[in-house]
Amino acid sequence: MRAPEAGANLLHSIADGQRRLDEIVARARSGQTFSPRQLLLLQAEVYRISEEVALVQRVVEEGLSGLKRLWTMQL
């Protein structure tokens, strides 16, 4: 898989996770109760999404750092 495709897939996965979490929050606000199993699955989903966001953040920081190094190079 090429890097742009992998990045796009990761961002798509994060957006899907955000959508799923929004749906769960809406259901909880409407009064739905969740079983311990469902809550454990939700916790795992939140953890997975937070790890994906942290990965994207690190990739962006490294990319920006590389660009800054290029801009400060004297030719």
PDB file of N, CA and C in Angstrom:
ATOM      1  N   MET A   1       0.848  -1.177   0.000  1.00  0.00           N
ATOM      2  CA  MET A   1       0.000   0.000   0.000  1.00  0.00           C
ATOM      3  C   MET A   1       0.895   1.242   0.000  1.00  0.00           C
ATOM      4  N   ARG A   2       0.583   2.199  -0.815  1.00  0.00           N
ATOM      5  CA  ARG A   2       1.360   3.433  -0.889  1.00  0.00           C
ATOM      6  C   ARG A   2       1.069   4.304   0.319  1.00  0.00           C
ATOM      7  N   ALA A   3       2.005   5.172   0.662  1.00  0.00           N
ATOM      8  CA  ALA A   3       1.874   6.025   1.843  1.00  0.00           C
ATOM      9  C   ALA A   3       0.632   6.914   1.794  1.00  0.00           C
ATOM     10  N   PRO A   4       0.332   7.581   0.660  1.00  0.00           N
ATOM     11  CA  PRO A   4      -0.883   8.408   0.640  1.00  0.00           C
ATOM     12  C   PRO A   4      -2.150   7.594   0.885  1.00  0.00           C
ATOM     13  N   GLU A   5      -2.195   6.381   0.324  1.00  0.00           N
ATOM     14  CA  GLU A   5      -3.370   5.530   0.537  1.00  0.00           C
ATOM     15  C   GLU A   5      -3.475   5.107   1.996  1.00  0.00           C
ATOM     16  N   ALA A   6      -2.343   4.777   2.600  1.00  0.00           N
ATOM     17  CA  ALA A   6      -2.347   4.374   4.007  1.00  0.00           C
ATOM     18  C   ALA A   6      -2.799   5.530   4.887  1.00  0.00           C
ATOM     19  N   GLY A   7      -2.326   6.727   4.587  1.00  0.00           N
ATOM     20  CA  GLY A   7      -2.740   7.900   5.352  1.00  0.00           C
ATOM     21  C   GLY A   7      -4.221   8.180   5.201  1.00  0.00           C
ATOM     22  N   ALA A   8      -4.708   8.062   3.980  1.00  0.00           N
ATOM     23  CA  ALA A   8      -6.134   8.290   3.740  1.00  0.00           C
ATOM     24  C   ALA A   8      -6.974   7.239   4.450  1.00  0.00           C
ATOM     25  N   ASN A   9      -6.515   5.987   4.431  1.00  0.00           N
ATOM     26  CA  ASN A   9      -7.245   4.925   5.126  1.00  0.00           C
ATOM     27  C   ASN A   9      -7.283   5.168   6.628  1.00  0.00           C
ATOM     28  N   LEU A  10      -6.173   5.628   7.183  1.00  0.00           N
ATOM     29  CA  LEU A  10      -6.122   5.908   8.617  1.00  0.00           C
ATOM     30  C   LEU A  10      -7.068   7.047   8.981  1.00  0.00           C
ATOM     31  N   LEU A  11      -7.070   8.106   8.187  1.00  0.00           N
ATOM     32  CA  LEU A  11      -7.976   9.229   8.456  1.00  0.00           C
ATOM     33  C   LEU A  11      -9.431   8.805   8.312  1.00  0.00           C
ATOM     34  N   HIS A  12      -9.707   7.949   7.333  1.00  0.00           N
ATOM     35  CA  HIS A  12     -11.067   7.436   7.147  1.00  0.00           C
ATOM     36  C   HIS A  12     -11.488   6.602   8.363  1.00  0.00           C
ATOM     37  N   SER A  13     -10.575   5.803   8.869  1.00  0.00           N
ATOM     38  CA  SER A  13     -10.854   4.981  10.046  1.00  0.00           C
ATOM     39  C   SER A  13     -11.145   5.849  11.266  1.00  0.00           C
ATOM     40  N   ILE A  14     -10.402   6.921  11.431  1.00  0.00           N
ATOM     41  CA  ILE A  14     -10.632   7.838  12.550  1.00  0.00           C
ATOM     42  C   ILE A  14     -11.994   8.500  12.414  1.00  0.00           C
ATOM     43  N   ALA A  15     -12.333   8.927  11.210  1.00  0.00           N
ATOM     44  CA  ALA A  15     -13.642   9.556  10.988  1.00  0.00           C
ATOM     45  C   ALA A  15     -14.776   8.573  11.266  1.00  0.00           C
ATOM     46  N   ASP A  16     -14.606   7.317  10.854  1.00  0.00           N
ATOM     47  CA  ASP A  16     -15.619   6.293  11.142  1.00  0.00           C
ATOM     48  C   ASP A  16     -15.767   6.081  12.645  1.00  0.00           C
ATOM     49  N   GLY A  17     -14.648   6.041  13.337  1.00  0.00           N
ATOM     50  CA  GLY A  17     -14.689   5.876  14.790  1.00  0.00           C
ATOM     51  C   GLY A  17     -15.401   7.031  15.464  1.00  0.00           C
ATOM     52  N   GLN A  18     -15.137   8.236  14.996  1.00  0.00           N
ATOM     53  CA  GLN A  18     -15.809   9.414  15.555  1.00  0.00           C
ATOM     54  C   GLN A  18     -17.312   9.333  15.330  1.00  0.00           C
ATOM     55  N   ARG A  19     -17.699   8.888  14.150  1.00  0.00           N
ATOM     56  CA  ARG A  19     -19.126   8.747  13.848  1.00  0.00           C
ATOM     57  C   ARG A  19     -19.776   7.723  14.771  1.00  0.00           C
ATOM     58  N   ARG A  20     -19.096   6.576  14.963  1.00  0.00           N
ATOM     59  CA  ARG A  20     -19.640   5.541  15.848  1.00  0.00           C
ATOM     60  C   ARG A  20     -19.765   6.046  17.283  1.00  0.00           C
ATOM     61  N   LEU A  21     -18.761   6.767  17.750  1.00  0.00           N
ATOM     62  CA  LEU A  21     -18.824   7.304  19.110  1.00  0.00           C
ATOM     63  C   LEU A  21     -19.939   8.332  19.250  1.00  0.00           C
ATOM     64  N   ASP A  22     -20.130   9.156  18.238  1.00  0.00           N
ATOM     65  CA  ASP A  22     -21.231  10.124  18.265  1.00  0.00           C
ATOM     66  C   ASP A  22     -22.579   9.419  18.366  1.00  0.00           C
ATOM     67  N   GLU A  23     -22.721   8.312  17.629  1.00  0.00           N
ATOM     68  CA  GLU A  23     -23.970   7.548  17.683  1.00  0.00           C
ATOM     69  C   GLU A  23     -24.197   6.963  19.075  1.00  0.00           C
ATOM     70  N   ILE A  24     -23.151   6.447  19.687  1.00  0.00           N
ATOM     71  CA  ILE A  24     -23.274   5.857  21.023  1.00  0.00           C
ATOM     72  C   ILE A  24     -23.635   6.920  22.051  1.00  0.00           C
ATOM     73  N   VAL A  25     -22.996   8.077  21.966  1.00  0.00           N
ATOM     74  CA  VAL A  25     -23.312   9.169  22.895  1.00  0.00           C
ATOM     75  C   VAL A  25     -24.764   9.594  22.726  1.00  0.00           C
ATOM     76  N   ALA A  26     -25.227   9.681  21.488  1.00  0.00           N
ATOM     77  CA  ALA A  26     -26.626  10.057  21.243  1.00  0.00           C
ATOM     78  C   ALA A  26     -27.572   9.026  21.844  1.00  0.00           C
ATOM     79  N   ARG A  27     -27.246   7.737  21.704  1.00  0.00           N
ATOM     80  CA  ARG A  27     -28.098   6.694  22.284  1.00  0.00           C
ATOM     81  C   ARG A  27     -28.098   6.769  23.806  1.00  0.00           C
ATOM     82  N   ALA A  28     -26.951   7.038  24.395  1.00  0.00           N
ATOM     83  CA  ALA A  28     -26.878   7.155  25.857  1.00  0.00           C
ATOM     84  C   ALA A  28     -27.686   8.355  26.344  1.00  0.00           C
ATOM     85  N   ARG A  29     -27.618   9.451  25.621  1.00  0.00           N
ATOM     86  CA  ARG A  29     -28.379  10.645  26.007  1.00  0.00           C
ATOM     87  C   ARG A  29     -29.881  10.421  25.888  1.00  0.00           C
ATOM     88  N   SER A  30     -30.272   9.517  24.993  1.00  0.00           N
ATOM     89  CA  SER A  30     -31.703   9.248  24.821  1.00  0.00           C
ATOM     90  C   SER A  30     -32.226   8.278  25.881  1.00  0.00           C
ATOM     91  N   GLY A  31     -31.339   7.790  26.737  1.00  0.00           N
ATOM     92  CA  GLY A  31     -31.772   6.939  27.834  1.00  0.00           C
ATOM     93  C   GLY A  31     -31.424   5.477  27.699  1.00  0.00           C
ATOM     94  N   GLN A  32     -30.784   5.081  26.608  1.00  0.00           N
ATOM     95  CA  GLN A  32     -30.418   3.675  26.443  1.00  0.00           C
ATOM     96  C   GLN A  32     -29.369   3.298  27.481  1.00  0.00           C
ATOM     97  N   THR A  33     -29.508   2.120  28.032  1.00  0.00           N
ATOM     98  CA  THR A  33     -28.493   1.610  28.949  1.00  0.00           C
ATOM     99  C   THR A  33     -27.631   0.597  28.209  1.00  0.00           C
ATOM    100  N   PHE A  34     -26.436   0.408  28.706  1.00  0.00           N
ATOM    101  CA  PHE A  34     -25.480  -0.484  28.065  1.00  0.00           C
ATOM    102  C   PHE A  34     -25.066  -1.570  29.042  1.00  0.00           C
ATOM    103  N   SER A  35     -24.847  -2.750  28.511  1.00  0.00           N
ATOM    104  CA  SER A  35     -24.382  -3.870  29.334  1.00  0.00           C
ATOM    105  C   SER A  35     -22.892  -3.691  29.621  1.00  0.00           C
ATOM    106  N   PRO A  36     -22.372  -4.384  30.630  1.00  0.00           N
ATOM    107  CA  PRO A  36     -20.928  -4.317  30.878  1.00  0.00           C
ATOM    108  C   PRO A  36     -20.108  -4.711  29.645  1.00  0.00           C
ATOM    109  N   ARG A  37     -20.569  -5.698  28.897  1.00  0.00           N
ATOM    110  CA  ARG A  37     -19.861  -6.117  27.681  1.00  0.00           C
ATOM    111  C   ARG A  37     -19.821  -4.980  26.669  1.00  0.00           C
ATOM    112  N   GLN A  38     -20.949  -4.304  26.474  1.00  0.00           N
ATOM    113  CA  GLN A  38     -20.995  -3.193  25.526  1.00  0.00           C
ATOM    114  C   GLN A  38     -20.081  -2.058  25.978  1.00  0.00           C
ATOM    115  N   LEU A  39     -20.044  -1.794  27.277  1.00  0.00           N
ATOM    116  CA  LEU A  39     -19.174  -0.734  27.791  1.00  0.00           C
ATOM    117  C   LEU A  39     -17.701  -1.090  27.604  1.00  0.00           C
ATOM    118  N   LEU A  40     -17.364  -2.353  27.783  1.00  0.00           N
ATOM    119  CA  LEU A  40     -15.985  -2.787  27.569  1.00  0.00           C
ATOM    120  C   LEU A  40     -15.590  -2.647  26.099  1.00  0.00           C
ATOM    121  N   LEU A  41     -16.495  -3.006  25.201  1.00  0.00           N
ATOM    122  CA  LEU A  41     -16.228  -2.835  23.772  1.00  0.00           C
ATOM    123  C   LEU A  41     -16.069  -1.360  23.414  1.00  0.00           C
ATOM    124  N   LEU A  42     -16.877  -0.513  24.025  1.00  0.00           N
ATOM    125  CA  LEU A  42     -16.767   0.924  23.793  1.00  0.00           C
ATOM    126  C   LEU A  42     -15.417   1.442  24.273  1.00  0.00           C
ATOM    127  N   GLN A  43     -14.983   0.973  25.434  1.00  0.00           N
ATOM    128  CA  GLN A  43     -13.684   1.388  25.954  1.00  0.00           C
ATOM    129  C   GLN A  43     -12.563   0.980  24.996  1.00  0.00           C
ATOM    130  N   ALA A  44     -12.634  -0.220  24.467  1.00  0.00           N
ATOM    131  CA  ALA A  44     -11.619  -0.683  23.517  1.00  0.00           C
ATOM    132  C   ALA A  44     -11.638   0.165  22.248  1.00  0.00           C
ATOM    133  N   GLU A  45     -12.818   0.534  21.788  1.00  0.00           N
ATOM    134  CA  GLU A  45     -12.947   1.370  20.586  1.00  0.00           C
ATOM    135  C   GLU A  45     -12.340   2.758  20.816  1.00  0.00           C
ATOM    136  N   VAL A  46     -12.624   3.342  21.970  1.00  0.00           N
ATOM    137  CA  VAL A  46     -12.066   4.660  22.294  1.00  0.00           C
ATOM    138  C   VAL A  46     -10.541   4.580  22.348  1.00  0.00           C
ATOM    139  N   TYR A  47     -10.015   3.526  22.945  1.00  0.00           N
ATOM    140  CA  TYR A  47      -8.564   3.357  23.020  1.00  0.00           C
ATOM    141  C   TYR A  47      -7.960   3.245  21.618  1.00  0.00           C
ATOM    142  N   ARG A  48      -8.576   2.430  20.759  1.00  0.00           N
ATOM    143  CA  ARG A  48      -8.067   2.246  19.395  1.00  0.00           C
ATOM    144  C   ARG A  48      -8.045   3.571  18.639  1.00  0.00           C
ATOM    145  N   ILE A  49      -9.122   4.327  18.753  1.00  0.00           N
ATOM    146  CA  ILE A  49      -9.198   5.612  18.053  1.00  0.00           C
ATOM    147  C   ILE A  49      -8.154   6.578  18.596  1.00  0.00           C
ATOM    148  N   SER A  50      -7.975   6.617  19.911  1.00  0.00           N
ATOM    149  CA  SER A  50      -6.985   7.531  20.488  1.00  0.00           C
ATOM    150  C   SER A  50      -5.575   7.161  20.033  1.00  0.00           C
ATOM    151  N   GLU A  51      -5.289   5.873  19.876  1.00  0.00           N
ATOM    152  CA  GLU A  51      -3.981   5.455  19.369  1.00  0.00           C
ATOM    153  C   GLU A  51      -3.800   5.870  17.911  1.00  0.00           C
ATOM    154  N   GLU A  52      -4.843   5.768  17.115  1.00  0.00           N
ATOM    155  CA  GLU A  52      -4.758   6.185  15.713  1.00  0.00           C
ATOM    156  C   GLU A  52      -4.531   7.691  15.615  1.00  0.00           C
ATOM    157  N   VAL A  53      -5.218   8.458  16.451  1.00  0.00           N
ATOM    158  CA  VAL A  53      -5.037   9.913  16.451  1.00  0.00           C
ATOM    159  C   VAL A  53      -3.606  10.257  16.857  1.00  0.00           C
ATOM    160  N   ALA A  54      -3.074   9.577  17.859  1.00  0.00           N
ATOM    161  CA  ALA A  54      -1.697   9.828  18.289  1.00  0.00           C
ATOM    162  C   ALA A  54      -0.712   9.507  17.167  1.00  0.00           C
ATOM    163  N   LEU A  55      -0.973   8.450  16.413  1.00  0.00           N
ATOM    164  CA  LEU A  55      -0.104   8.097  15.289  1.00  0.00           C
ATOM    165  C   LEU A  55      -0.130   9.182  14.217  1.00  0.00           C
ATOM    166  N   VAL A  56      -1.308   9.659  13.875  1.00  0.00           N
ATOM    167  CA  VAL A  56      -1.427  10.729  12.880  1.00  0.00           C
ATOM    168  C   VAL A  56      -0.685  11.970  13.363  1.00  0.00           C
ATOM    169  N   GLN A  57      -0.824  12.290  14.637  1.00  0.00           N
ATOM    170  CA  GLN A  57      -0.146  13.458  15.192  1.00  0.00           C
ATOM    171  C   GLN A  57       1.371  13.317  15.054  1.00  0.00           C
ATOM    172  N   ARG A  58       1.906  12.139  15.374  1.00  0.00           N
ATOM    173  CA  ARG A  58       3.356  11.931  15.261  1.00  0.00           C
ATOM    174  C   ARG A  58       3.820  12.043  13.813  1.00  0.00           C
ATOM    175  N   VAL A  59       3.054  11.494  12.886  1.00  0.00           N
ATOM    176  CA  VAL A  59       3.428  11.557  11.469  1.00  0.00           C
ATOM    177  C   VAL A  59       3.441  13.004  10.987  1.00  0.00           C
ATOM    178  N   VAL A  60       2.431  13.771  11.358  1.00  0.00           N
ATOM    179  CA  VAL A  60       2.361  15.178  10.950  1.00  0.00           C
ATOM    180  C   VAL A  60       3.519  15.962  11.560  1.00  0.00           C
ATOM    181  N   GLU A  61       3.809  15.732  12.837  1.00  0.00           N
ATOM    182  CA  GLU A  61       4.918  16.434  13.483  1.00  0.00           C
ATOM    183  C   GLU A  61       6.245  16.130  12.797  1.00  0.00           C
ATOM    184  N   GLU A  62       6.467  14.863  12.448  1.00  0.00           N
ATOM    185  CA  GLU A  62       7.706  14.499  11.759  1.00  0.00           C
ATOM    186  C   GLU A  62       7.773  15.140  10.374  1.00  0.00           C
ATOM    187  N   GLY A  63       6.653  15.166   9.680  1.00  0.00           N
ATOM    188  CA  GLY A  63       6.616  15.803   8.364  1.00  0.00           C
ATOM    189  C   GLY A  63       6.921  17.288   8.442  1.00  0.00           C
ATOM    190  N   LEU A  64       6.326  17.958   9.412  1.00  0.00           N
ATOM    191  CA  LEU A  64       6.588  19.388   9.581  1.00  0.00           C
ATOM    192  C   LEU A  64       8.029  19.643   9.982  1.00  0.00           C
ATOM    193  N   SER A  65       8.569  18.788  10.822  1.00  0.00           N
ATOM    194  CA  SER A  65       9.962  18.930  11.225  1.00  0.00           C
ATOM    195  C   SER A  65      10.884  18.800  10.013  1.00  0.00           C
ATOM    196  N   GLY A  66      10.583  17.853   9.140  1.00  0.00           N
ATOM    197  CA  GLY A  66      11.377  17.689   7.922  1.00  0.00           C
ATOM    198  C   GLY A  66      11.287  18.896   7.011  1.00  0.00           C
ATOM    199  N   LEU A  67      10.094  19.456   6.878  1.00  0.00           N
ATOM    200  CA  LEU A  67       9.930  20.660   6.054  1.00  0.00           C
ATOM    201  C   LEU A  67      10.710  21.834   6.635  1.00  0.00           C
ATOM    202  N   LYS A  68      10.682  21.987   7.943  1.00  0.00           N
ATOM    203  CA  LYS A  68      11.429  23.078   8.581  1.00  0.00           C
ATOM    204  C   LYS A  68      12.920  22.930   8.324  1.00  0.00           C
ATOM    205  N   ARG A  69      13.416  21.684   8.402  1.00  0.00           N
ATOM    206  CA  ARG A  69      14.841  21.458   8.124  1.00  0.00           C
ATOM    207  C   ARG A  69      15.174  21.830   6.685  1.00  0.00           C
ATOM    208  N   LEU A  70      14.286  21.494   5.755  1.00  0.00           N
ATOM    209  CA  LEU A  70      14.530  21.842   4.355  1.00  0.00           C
ATOM    210  C   LEU A  70      14.551  23.352   4.158  1.00  0.00           C
ATOM    211  N   TRP A  71      13.643  24.061   4.814  1.00  0.00           N
ATOM    212  CA  TRP A  71      13.569  25.513   4.654  1.00  0.00           C
ATOM    213  C   TRP A  71      14.791  26.220   5.227  1.00  0.00           C
ATOM    214  N   THR A  72      15.409  25.631   6.252  1.00  0.00           N
ATOM    215  CA  THR A  72      16.550  26.294   6.874  1.00  0.00           C
ATOM    216  C   THR A  72      17.879  25.893   6.237  1.00  0.00           C
ATOM    217  N   MET A  73      17.854  24.958   5.291  1.00  0.00           N
ATOM    218  CA  MET A  73      19.096  24.544   4.627  1.00  0.00           C
ATOM    219  C   MET A  73      19.613  25.673   3.751  1.00  0.00           C
ATOM    220  N   GLN A  74      20.907  25.874   3.815  1.00  0.00           N
ATOM    221  CA  GLN A  74      21.524  26.872   2.953  1.00  0.00           C
ATOM    222  C   GLN A  74      22.068  26.174   1.720  1.00  0.00           C
ATOM    223  N   LEU A  75      21.668  26.680   0.598  1.00  0.00           N
ATOM    224  CA  LEU A  75      22.122  26.067  -0.661  1.00  0.00           C
ATOM    225  C   LEU A  75      23.312  26.781  -1.212  1.00  0.00           C
TER     226      LEU A  75
END
